[in-house]
Amino acid sequence: MWDFPAIGEGHIDFEAVLDVMEKGDFKGPLSVEIEFHGELWPPLKDVNRAMKASYDRLSSLGLS
């Protein structure tokens, strides 16, 4: 089963990933994918919370 939590709540060090991308002069688009423990339609309040948490984390890393 997959588990893609809100950005900053999982095991991936996004600050390090973004640093590698910057050093490699990456200029392409980025996207956010959040999935909810295999749920097809999670409650909207859970989606909104995860999106807000992801936005806040990415904003703190200089993205918005």
N, C-alpha and C. Protein backbone atom coordinates (compact mmCIF):
# COMPACT_ATOMS: atom_id res chain seq x y z
N MET A 1 0.84 -1.17 0.00
CA MET A 1 0.00 0.00 0.00
C MET A 1 0.90 1.24 0.00
N TRP A 2 0.50 2.24 -0.72
CA TRP A 2 1.26 3.48 -0.80
C TRP A 2 0.97 4.39 0.39
N ASP A 3 1.87 5.31 0.64
CA ASP A 3 1.67 6.31 1.68
C ASP A 3 2.50 7.53 1.32
N PHE A 4 1.88 8.52 0.73
CA PHE A 4 2.53 9.78 0.39
C PHE A 4 1.91 10.87 1.26
N PRO A 5 2.47 11.09 2.46
CA PRO A 5 1.88 12.08 3.37
C PRO A 5 2.17 13.51 2.90
N ALA A 6 1.67 14.46 3.66
CA ALA A 6 1.95 15.86 3.38
C ALA A 6 3.46 16.09 3.33
N ILE A 7 3.88 17.02 2.49
CA ILE A 7 5.30 17.37 2.39
C ILE A 7 5.81 17.77 3.78
N GLY A 8 6.91 17.16 4.18
CA GLY A 8 7.49 17.44 5.49
C GLY A 8 7.07 16.48 6.57
N GLU A 9 6.09 15.63 6.28
CA GLU A 9 5.62 14.67 7.28
C GLU A 9 6.09 13.25 7.00
N GLY A 10 6.83 13.07 5.92
CA GLY A 10 7.33 11.75 5.58
C GLY A 10 8.82 11.62 5.85
N HIS A 11 9.46 10.73 5.11
CA HIS A 11 10.87 10.43 5.34
C HIS A 11 11.82 11.17 4.38
N ILE A 12 11.28 11.87 3.40
CA ILE A 12 12.13 12.53 2.40
C ILE A 12 12.58 13.89 2.91
N ASP A 13 13.88 14.14 2.78
CA ASP A 13 14.46 15.43 3.15
C ASP A 13 14.35 16.37 1.95
N PHE A 14 13.23 17.11 1.89
CA PHE A 14 12.99 17.96 0.72
C PHE A 14 13.98 19.11 0.62
N GLU A 15 14.51 19.56 1.72
CA GLU A 15 15.54 20.61 1.66
C GLU A 15 16.76 20.08 0.90
N ALA A 16 17.17 18.85 1.17
CA ALA A 16 18.30 18.25 0.47
C ALA A 16 17.97 18.02 -1.00
N VAL A 17 16.76 17.55 -1.29
CA VAL A 17 16.35 17.32 -2.67
C VAL A 17 16.38 18.62 -3.46
N LEU A 18 15.83 19.68 -2.89
CA LEU A 18 15.82 20.98 -3.57
C LEU A 18 17.23 21.52 -3.76
N ASP A 19 18.12 21.25 -2.81
CA ASP A 19 19.52 21.67 -2.93
C ASP A 19 20.19 20.97 -4.12
N VAL A 20 19.98 19.68 -4.26
CA VAL A 20 20.53 18.93 -5.39
C VAL A 20 19.99 19.48 -6.71
N MET A 21 18.69 19.77 -6.73
CA MET A 21 18.08 20.31 -7.94
C MET A 21 18.66 21.68 -8.29
N GLU A 22 18.87 22.51 -7.27
CA GLU A 22 19.45 23.83 -7.52
C GLU A 22 20.89 23.71 -8.02
N LYS A 23 21.67 22.85 -7.41
CA LYS A 23 23.06 22.65 -7.84
C LYS A 23 23.13 22.10 -9.26
N GLY A 24 22.12 21.33 -9.66
CA GLY A 24 22.05 20.78 -11.01
C GLY A 24 21.40 21.74 -11.99
N ASP A 25 21.08 22.95 -11.52
CA ASP A 25 20.47 24.00 -12.35
C ASP A 25 19.13 23.57 -12.94
N PHE A 26 18.37 22.80 -12.16
CA PHE A 26 17.04 22.37 -12.61
C PHE A 26 16.12 23.58 -12.70
N LYS A 27 15.46 23.74 -13.83
CA LYS A 27 14.56 24.87 -14.05
C LYS A 27 13.14 24.42 -14.40
N GLY A 28 12.87 23.14 -14.33
CA GLY A 28 11.57 22.61 -14.73
C GLY A 28 10.51 22.78 -13.66
N PRO A 29 9.32 22.30 -13.93
CA PRO A 29 8.21 22.41 -12.98
C PRO A 29 8.32 21.39 -11.86
N LEU A 30 7.64 21.67 -10.77
CA LEU A 30 7.52 20.75 -9.64
C LEU A 30 6.04 20.54 -9.38
N SER A 31 5.70 19.40 -8.84
CA SER A 31 4.31 19.16 -8.45
C SER A 31 4.29 18.45 -7.10
N VAL A 32 3.16 18.51 -6.45
CA VAL A 32 2.97 17.87 -5.15
C VAL A 32 1.98 16.73 -5.33
N GLU A 33 2.32 15.57 -4.82
CA GLU A 33 1.40 14.43 -4.84
C GLU A 33 1.20 13.94 -3.42
N ILE A 34 -0.02 13.93 -3.00
CA ILE A 34 -0.36 13.43 -1.67
C ILE A 34 -1.40 12.35 -1.85
N GLU A 35 -1.15 11.20 -1.26
CA GLU A 35 -2.11 10.11 -1.29
C GLU A 35 -2.34 9.65 0.14
N PHE A 36 -3.48 9.12 0.41
CA PHE A 36 -3.93 8.89 1.78
C PHE A 36 -4.09 7.42 2.09
N HIS A 37 -3.00 6.75 2.38
CA HIS A 37 -3.01 5.35 2.82
C HIS A 37 -3.90 4.47 1.96
N GLY A 38 -3.88 4.69 0.66
CA GLY A 38 -4.65 3.86 -0.25
C GLY A 38 -6.11 4.22 -0.36
N GLU A 39 -6.55 5.29 0.33
CA GLU A 39 -7.96 5.70 0.26
C GLU A 39 -8.25 6.37 -1.08
N LEU A 40 -9.34 5.99 -1.69
CA LEU A 40 -9.72 6.60 -2.95
C LEU A 40 -10.25 8.02 -2.74
N TRP A 41 -11.10 8.21 -1.75
CA TRP A 41 -11.69 9.53 -1.49
C TRP A 41 -11.60 9.83 0.01
N PRO A 42 -10.47 10.41 0.47
CA PRO A 42 -10.35 10.76 1.88
C PRO A 42 -11.26 11.94 2.21
N PRO A 43 -11.56 12.14 3.48
CA PRO A 43 -12.39 13.29 3.87
C PRO A 43 -11.73 14.61 3.43
N LEU A 44 -12.55 15.54 2.97
CA LEU A 44 -12.05 16.82 2.48
C LEU A 44 -11.22 17.55 3.53
N LYS A 45 -11.60 17.47 4.79
CA LYS A 45 -10.83 18.15 5.84
C LYS A 45 -9.41 17.59 5.93
N ASP A 46 -9.23 16.30 5.65
CA ASP A 46 -7.90 15.69 5.66
C ASP A 46 -7.08 16.17 4.46
N VAL A 47 -7.73 16.28 3.32
CA VAL A 47 -7.06 16.79 2.12
C VAL A 47 -6.63 18.24 2.34
N ASN A 48 -7.53 19.05 2.86
CA ASN A 48 -7.20 20.46 3.10
C ASN A 48 -6.05 20.62 4.09
N ARG A 49 -6.04 19.82 5.15
CA ARG A 49 -4.97 19.89 6.14
C ARG A 49 -3.64 19.50 5.52
N ALA A 50 -3.63 18.42 4.74
CA ALA A 50 -2.39 17.96 4.11
C ALA A 50 -1.87 18.97 3.10
N MET A 51 -2.77 19.57 2.34
CA MET A 51 -2.34 20.58 1.36
C MET A 51 -1.78 21.82 2.06
N LYS A 52 -2.41 22.25 3.15
CA LYS A 52 -1.92 23.41 3.90
C LYS A 52 -0.55 23.11 4.50
N ALA A 53 -0.40 21.93 5.09
CA ALA A 53 0.89 21.54 5.67
C ALA A 53 1.97 21.50 4.59
N SER A 54 1.64 20.97 3.42
CA SER A 54 2.59 20.89 2.31
C SER A 54 2.97 22.29 1.83
N TYR A 55 1.98 23.15 1.67
CA TYR A 55 2.24 24.52 1.23
C TYR A 55 3.14 25.24 2.25
N ASP A 56 2.83 25.10 3.53
CA ASP A 56 3.62 25.75 4.56
C ASP A 56 5.07 25.27 4.54
N ARG A 57 5.26 23.96 4.39
CA ARG A 57 6.63 23.41 4.38
C ARG A 57 7.40 23.88 3.16
N LEU A 58 6.77 23.81 1.98
CA LEU A 58 7.45 24.23 0.77
C LEU A 58 7.73 25.73 0.78
N SER A 59 6.81 26.51 1.34
CA SER A 59 7.03 27.96 1.47
C SER A 59 8.22 28.25 2.37
N SER A 60 8.36 27.46 3.44
CA SER A 60 9.49 27.66 4.34
C SER A 60 10.83 27.33 3.67
N LEU A 61 10.77 26.56 2.57
CA LEU A 61 11.97 26.21 1.81
C LEU A 61 12.19 27.15 0.61
N GLY A 62 11.37 28.21 0.54
CA GLY A 62 11.54 29.20 -0.51
C GLY A 62 10.69 28.99 -1.75
N LEU A 63 9.77 28.05 -1.70
CA LEU A 63 8.86 27.81 -2.82
C LEU A 63 7.45 28.28 -2.46
N SER A 64 6.69 28.63 -3.43
CA SER A 64 5.27 28.95 -3.18
C SER A 64 4.49 28.87 -4.47
